[in-house]
Amino acid sequence: MTPQTGIFALGTPEHCYLEFDLVPGVAPEELVRAVAGLTEPLSTVGGVNLVVGFRPELWEQVAPGEGPADAAGFDEPIPGPGGFAMPATQHDAWVWVAGGNRSAVFDNARAVIDALRDVADVVGETTGWLYQHSRDLTGFVDGTENPSLLEAPGVVAVPAGPGAGSSVLLFQIWRHETRAWETLGVHGQERAMGRTKADDVEFPDDEKPPSAHIARTNIEVDGEELRIFRRNVAYGGVTDHGTAFVGFAQDRWRMHEMLRRMAGATDGIRDGLTHWTTPLSGAYYTVPAVEALAGFAPDDED
C-alpha cells in the first residue's frame, strides 16, 4: 500500500490548506467519494500536489480497518499550567494544495471547493509559503529532526497489516508574537529552542533548559526516538503571521504525547516557545493510502 505521494513533495513554495465539514444530511461516503474523485485530475493536469485526509472517525466508518489503529480526532483541548491550552478544532476533511506558484495553488484550491460544494462546507482556509527555504519565522531551521526522503515513508505510514500505507496528520496553526520573541536576543532564543540559531547545533543535554523546545518534543520509548515527518510552512502577512504545523506519523500517540509535553500537561513544564507562539487550532486527520482512497473514486462513466 502506498502513502499519498504529495506528503513527500519537498520544495513547493506555495500552499493552501482547506478544512471542510460535512453538509447536514450528506452521508460520509459521499464526501469521501467526492474527495477521491478530485485527486487525480488536479495532481496530474492542474500542476499541483494534493494530499487529503478525513476525520479519523469518519474514515473508519466508511473504510473500517483502513487507517492507523490509534487514529482519533482532536476533540478536547490539551490544558497546561497558567491557563494555557491547545485548542481542539476538529473538522471532517482536510485538503492540502501545494504548487510551484501562487496562481496554480489559488486556481486549484477554488476547483476543490467547487467540486465539494454539494457535500461539504469550507470552514477553514490557510495560505502558506516557504520562508528562507528551511527556516520558520522564529529564524531557526525547521524540521531539523526530519527523516530523509528514503526513511520518511517508514516514519509516515503504517508499515504492514490493517491500515498499511495510511498516516495520521496533525494540523495546527501557531501565531507568532514576533516582536516579543525578538526582544529575547539570540541567546534567549537559543535557550528557548535548545539549539544554536545560525548553524543549527543542538545543545548538550546538560546545557539544555528543561523547557527548551527540543527537550519537550523529543519522544523516546525504550531508548528509541519516535520521529515524525514535518512539512511546516509560514502563513500570514507582516502584521499577523506564524507557522502552519503539518506533521505526519504512522500513529497518533507520538504526536499527542509531544503536544502534551509542550503544554506541560505531563509535568507542569511548558515548552519555552509557547510563551511567544500561540496555538489557534488543532486537528487530526487520517490520510488514507492511495489504493484505499482510489477504491472510492467514481468510475469514468459516472
Protein backbone atom coordinates (compact mmCIF):
# COMPACT_ATOMS: atom_id res chain seq x y z
CA MET A 1 0.00 0.00 0.00
CA THR A 2 1.30 3.43 -1.00
CA PRO A 3 1.30 6.64 1.07
CA GLN A 4 -0.03 9.71 -0.73
CA THR A 5 2.92 10.99 -2.74
CA GLY A 6 2.27 14.69 -2.10
CA ILE A 7 3.37 14.17 1.51
CA PHE A 8 6.95 13.90 0.25
CA ALA A 9 6.88 16.62 -2.44
CA LEU A 10 9.51 18.88 -0.87
CA GLY A 11 10.39 22.25 -2.34
CA THR A 12 6.92 23.51 -3.26
CA PRO A 13 6.85 27.19 -2.21
CA GLU A 14 3.09 27.88 -2.23
CA HIS A 15 0.46 26.13 -0.12
CA CYS A 16 -3.24 26.24 0.71
CA TYR A 17 -4.89 24.20 3.47
CA LEU A 18 -8.66 23.80 3.37
CA GLU A 19 -10.81 22.27 6.10
CA PHE A 20 -14.37 21.09 5.48
CA ASP A 21 -17.40 19.95 7.45
CA LEU A 22 -19.99 17.59 6.05
CA VAL A 23 -23.19 19.25 4.86
CA PRO A 24 -26.08 18.13 7.13
CA GLY A 25 -27.91 15.19 5.64
CA VAL A 26 -24.99 14.10 3.42
CA ALA A 27 -23.60 10.61 4.03
CA PRO A 28 -19.89 10.42 4.92
CA GLU A 29 -19.24 8.12 1.96
CA GLU A 30 -20.45 10.86 -0.40
CA LEU A 31 -17.75 13.17 0.94
CA VAL A 32 -15.08 10.50 0.58
CA ARG A 33 -16.17 9.74 -2.98
CA ALA A 34 -16.13 13.42 -3.90
CA VAL A 35 -12.64 13.92 -2.48
CA ALA A 36 -11.35 10.74 -4.12
CA GLY A 37 -12.73 11.96 -7.43
CA LEU A 38 -10.75 15.19 -7.45
CA THR A 39 -7.27 13.90 -6.61
CA GLU A 40 -6.28 12.51 -10.00
CA PRO A 41 -7.20 15.39 -12.34
CA LEU A 42 -5.78 18.05 -10.04
CA SER A 43 -2.46 16.36 -9.37
CA THR A 44 -1.77 15.36 -12.97
CA VAL A 45 -3.41 18.12 -15.01
CA GLY A 46 -3.62 21.02 -12.59
CA GLY A 47 0.09 21.18 -11.90
CA VAL A 48 -0.16 20.85 -8.11
CA ASN A 49 0.39 18.26 -5.41
CA LEU A 50 -2.66 17.23 -3.45
CA VAL A 51 -2.90 15.48 -0.07
CA VAL A 52 -6.26 14.69 1.51
CA GLY A 53 -7.36 13.47 4.92
CA PHE A 54 -10.53 12.76 6.86
CA ARG A 55 -11.67 12.95 10.44
CA PRO A 56 -10.49 9.58 11.75
CA GLU A 57 -13.92 8.51 12.98
CA LEU A 58 -15.48 9.41 9.62
CA TRP A 59 -12.88 7.45 7.64
CA GLU A 60 -13.22 4.45 9.98
CA GLN A 61 -16.99 4.49 9.44
CA VAL A 62 -16.56 4.47 5.66
CA ALA A 63 -13.46 2.24 5.42
CA PRO A 64 -13.12 0.10 8.56
CA GLY A 65 -9.56 -1.01 9.30
CA GLU A 66 -8.03 1.15 6.55
CA GLY A 67 -6.40 3.67 8.89
CA PRO A 68 -3.84 3.72 11.72
CA ALA A 69 -5.13 1.71 14.67
CA ASP A 70 -4.98 4.56 17.20
CA ALA A 71 -6.27 7.32 14.89
CA ALA A 72 -8.78 9.60 16.62
CA GLY A 73 -9.94 13.17 16.32
CA PHE A 74 -8.62 16.17 18.27
CA ASP A 75 -11.83 16.53 20.26
CA GLU A 76 -10.65 18.01 23.56
CA PRO A 77 -8.22 20.86 24.35
CA ILE A 78 -4.87 19.99 25.92
CA PRO A 79 -4.55 22.02 29.13
CA GLY A 80 -1.31 23.25 30.67
CA PRO A 81 -0.21 25.35 33.66
CA GLY A 82 -1.01 29.04 33.85
CA GLY A 83 -4.27 28.73 31.98
CA PHE A 84 -2.52 27.65 28.78
CA ALA A 85 -4.41 25.33 26.45
CA MET A 86 -4.03 23.91 22.97
CA PRO A 87 -7.44 24.24 21.31
CA ALA A 88 -9.33 21.40 19.63
CA THR A 89 -10.84 22.44 16.30
CA GLN A 90 -11.56 19.12 14.61
CA HIS A 91 -13.29 19.08 11.21
CA ASP A 92 -14.41 16.36 8.80
CA ALA A 93 -11.95 16.69 5.91
CA TRP A 94 -8.65 18.36 5.08
CA VAL A 95 -7.22 19.16 1.65
CA TRP A 96 -3.68 20.43 1.08
CA VAL A 97 -2.91 22.02 -2.29
CA ALA A 98 0.77 22.75 -2.93
CA GLY A 99 2.49 24.01 -6.06
CA GLY A 100 5.25 25.99 -7.65
CA ASN A 101 3.35 29.25 -7.99
CA ARG A 102 0.54 31.12 -6.26
CA SER A 103 -1.74 31.15 -9.31
CA ALA A 104 -1.78 27.36 -9.68
CA VAL A 105 -2.50 26.86 -5.99
CA PHE A 106 -5.22 29.53 -5.98
CA ASP A 107 -6.99 28.19 -9.07
CA ASN A 108 -6.85 24.58 -7.95
CA ALA A 109 -7.97 25.36 -4.40
CA ARG A 110 -11.02 27.05 -5.92
CA ALA A 111 -11.59 23.93 -8.03
CA VAL A 112 -11.50 21.80 -4.88
CA ILE A 113 -14.11 23.97 -3.18
CA ASP A 114 -16.35 23.87 -6.24
CA ALA A 115 -16.03 20.08 -6.53
CA LEU A 116 -17.05 19.56 -2.90
CA ARG A 117 -19.69 22.29 -2.72
CA ASP A 118 -22.67 19.91 -2.58
CA VAL A 119 -21.24 17.66 0.13
CA ALA A 120 -19.08 19.85 2.39
CA ASP A 121 -18.78 23.43 3.59
CA VAL A 122 -15.41 25.21 3.78
CA VAL A 123 -14.79 26.09 7.43
CA GLY A 124 -11.10 26.92 7.34
CA GLU A 125 -8.55 28.27 4.85
CA THR A 126 -4.86 28.92 5.48
CA THR A 127 -2.42 30.13 2.84
CA GLY A 128 1.20 29.15 3.44
CA TRP A 129 4.58 29.92 1.93
CA LEU A 130 8.21 28.91 2.38
CA TYR A 131 10.32 31.31 4.44
CA GLN A 132 14.06 31.43 3.77
CA HIS A 133 13.99 27.92 2.31
CA SER A 134 14.36 25.86 5.51
CA ARG A 135 13.65 28.25 8.40
CA ASP A 136 10.45 29.26 10.13
CA LEU A 137 9.52 32.74 11.30
CA THR A 138 11.48 32.31 14.53
CA GLY A 139 14.59 32.40 12.33
CA PHE A 140 15.60 28.84 13.25
CA VAL A 141 15.90 25.89 10.90
CA ASP A 142 12.61 23.97 10.90
CA GLY A 143 12.41 20.20 10.58
CA THR A 144 15.97 19.51 11.75
CA GLU A 145 14.93 16.08 13.03
CA ASN A 146 13.08 15.15 9.85
CA PRO A 147 13.98 11.76 8.38
CA SER A 148 15.48 11.65 4.91
CA LEU A 149 13.17 11.00 1.98
CA LEU A 150 14.42 7.41 1.93
CA GLU A 151 13.44 6.97 5.59
CA ALA A 152 10.30 9.12 5.58
CA PRO A 153 7.79 6.53 4.29
CA GLY A 154 8.66 4.25 7.22
CA VAL A 155 8.03 7.11 9.65
CA VAL A 156 4.91 8.45 7.96
CA ALA A 157 2.93 5.33 7.09
CA VAL A 158 1.64 2.20 8.80
CA PRO A 159 4.14 -0.41 7.57
CA ALA A 160 2.01 -3.53 7.17
CA GLY A 161 -1.29 -5.14 8.06
CA PRO A 162 -4.54 -3.22 8.63
CA GLY A 163 -4.22 0.40 7.57
CA ALA A 164 -0.93 -0.16 5.71
CA GLY A 165 0.19 2.95 3.82
CA SER A 166 -2.04 5.30 5.81
CA SER A 167 -0.91 8.08 8.13
CA VAL A 168 -2.08 10.31 10.94
CA LEU A 169 -1.79 14.04 10.22
CA LEU A 170 -1.57 16.72 12.91
CA PHE A 171 -2.57 20.15 11.62
CA GLN A 172 -2.17 23.23 13.82
CA ILE A 173 -1.93 26.97 13.28
CA TRP A 174 0.52 28.77 15.60
CA ARG A 175 0.52 32.58 15.71
CA HIS A 176 3.93 34.12 16.45
CA GLU A 177 4.43 37.08 18.78
CA THR A 178 7.39 38.21 16.71
CA ARG A 179 8.24 41.49 18.40
CA ALA A 180 8.24 39.87 21.85
CA TRP A 181 10.35 36.99 20.52
CA GLU A 182 12.91 39.39 19.09
CA THR A 183 13.35 41.14 22.45
CA LEU A 184 14.93 37.92 23.77
CA GLY A 185 18.01 38.35 21.61
CA VAL A 186 19.81 35.43 20.04
CA HIS A 187 20.99 33.94 23.36
CA GLY A 188 17.49 33.91 24.86
CA GLN A 189 16.02 32.47 21.67
CA GLU A 190 18.62 29.70 21.59
CA ARG A 191 17.83 28.72 25.18
CA ALA A 192 14.11 28.61 24.36
CA MET A 193 14.81 26.44 21.34
CA GLY A 194 17.63 24.26 22.69
CA ARG A 195 19.99 24.73 19.74
CA THR A 196 22.02 27.43 18.05
CA LYS A 197 20.34 29.77 15.61
CA ALA A 198 22.97 30.36 12.95
CA ASP A 199 24.37 26.85 12.45
CA ASP A 200 21.58 24.67 13.95
CA VAL A 201 23.67 22.77 16.51
CA GLU A 202 21.73 21.12 19.34
CA PHE A 203 22.86 21.94 22.89
CA PRO A 204 24.28 19.10 25.00
CA ASP A 205 21.66 17.63 27.32
CA ASP A 206 23.29 19.14 30.43
CA GLU A 207 23.13 22.63 28.87
CA LYS A 208 19.57 22.38 27.62
CA PRO A 209 16.89 24.01 29.81
CA PRO A 210 14.08 21.56 30.68
CA SER A 211 11.65 23.94 28.95
CA ALA A 212 13.65 24.03 25.70
CA HIS A 213 11.59 23.15 22.64
CA ILE A 214 13.85 20.25 21.69
CA ALA A 215 13.75 18.86 25.23
CA ARG A 216 9.94 18.91 25.19
CA THR A 217 9.35 17.48 21.73
CA ASN A 218 11.88 14.63 21.54
CA ILE A 219 9.95 11.47 22.43
CA GLU A 220 11.79 8.23 23.23
CA VAL A 221 10.43 4.79 24.01
CA ASP A 222 12.86 2.10 25.21
CA GLY A 223 15.76 4.25 24.02
CA GLU A 224 14.36 4.72 20.51
CA GLU A 225 13.38 8.16 19.30
CA LEU A 226 9.88 8.27 17.81
CA ARG A 227 10.14 10.61 14.84
CA ILE A 228 7.54 12.39 12.74
CA PHE A 229 7.78 13.98 9.28
CA ARG A 230 7.16 17.75 9.34
CA ARG A 231 6.07 19.80 6.33
CA ASN A 232 5.63 23.12 8.15
CA VAL A 233 5.40 26.45 6.35
CA ALA A 234 4.89 30.09 7.27
CA TYR A 235 1.45 31.65 6.98
CA GLY A 236 0.01 35.15 7.08
CA GLY A 237 1.34 38.62 6.40
CA VAL A 238 3.52 41.22 8.05
CA THR A 239 1.16 42.10 10.91
CA ASP A 240 -0.31 38.65 11.65
CA HIS A 241 1.71 35.52 10.91
CA GLY A 242 3.12 32.29 12.24
CA THR A 243 3.60 28.62 11.47
CA ALA A 244 1.24 26.15 9.86
CA PHE A 245 2.31 22.91 11.54
CA VAL A 246 1.83 19.92 9.25
CA GLY A 247 3.10 16.69 10.80
CA PHE A 248 2.71 13.08 9.64
CA ALA A 249 3.31 9.84 11.53
CA GLN A 250 2.25 6.21 11.48
CA ASP A 251 0.45 6.61 14.81
CA ARG A 252 -1.30 9.35 16.75
CA TRP A 253 0.24 8.63 20.13
CA ARG A 254 3.67 10.07 19.44
CA MET A 255 2.26 13.39 18.22
CA HIS A 256 -0.29 13.74 21.00
CA GLU A 257 2.37 12.95 23.60
CA MET A 258 4.57 15.62 22.03
CA LEU A 259 1.73 18.16 22.39
CA ARG A 260 1.05 17.14 25.98
CA ARG A 261 4.72 17.65 26.82
CA MET A 262 4.76 21.02 25.05
CA ALA A 263 1.68 22.14 27.00
CA GLY A 264 3.18 20.99 30.30
CA ALA A 265 0.36 18.51 30.86
CA THR A 266 2.79 15.76 31.86
CA ASP A 267 4.99 17.55 34.43
CA GLY A 268 3.95 21.20 34.63
CA ILE A 269 6.85 22.43 32.44
CA ARG A 270 5.68 24.28 29.36
CA ASP A 271 7.66 24.41 26.15
CA GLY A 272 9.54 27.71 26.09
CA LEU A 273 8.21 28.51 22.63
CA THR A 274 4.63 28.55 23.90
CA HIS A 275 5.35 31.87 25.63
CA TRP A 276 5.96 33.52 22.25
CA THR A 277 3.72 31.45 19.96
CA THR A 278 0.00 30.78 20.42
CA PRO A 279 -1.85 27.73 19.10
CA LEU A 280 -5.04 28.78 17.32
CA SER A 281 -6.25 25.39 16.09
CA GLY A 282 -5.70 21.66 16.39
CA ALA A 283 -6.99 18.69 14.39
CA TYR A 284 -6.01 15.13 13.47
CA TYR A 285 -6.84 13.54 10.14
CA THR A 286 -6.40 10.07 8.74
CA VAL A 287 -4.55 10.30 5.43
CA PRO A 288 -5.54 7.13 3.55
CA ALA A 289 -3.22 5.09 1.39
CA VAL A 290 -3.50 5.76 -2.34
CA GLU A 291 -5.10 2.37 -3.02
CA ALA A 292 -7.67 2.74 -0.22
CA LEU A 293 -8.69 6.18 -1.47
CA ALA A 294 -8.78 5.05 -5.11
CA GLY A 295 -11.38 2.46 -4.18
CA PHE A 296 -13.87 5.32 -3.71
CA ALA A 297 -13.05 7.23 -6.90
CA PRO A 298 -16.03 7.47 -9.27
CA ASP A 299 -15.86 5.42 -12.47
CA ASP A 300 -15.23 7.34 -15.67
CA GLU A 301 -18.83 6.67 -16.66
CA ASP A 302 -20.21 8.28 -13.50
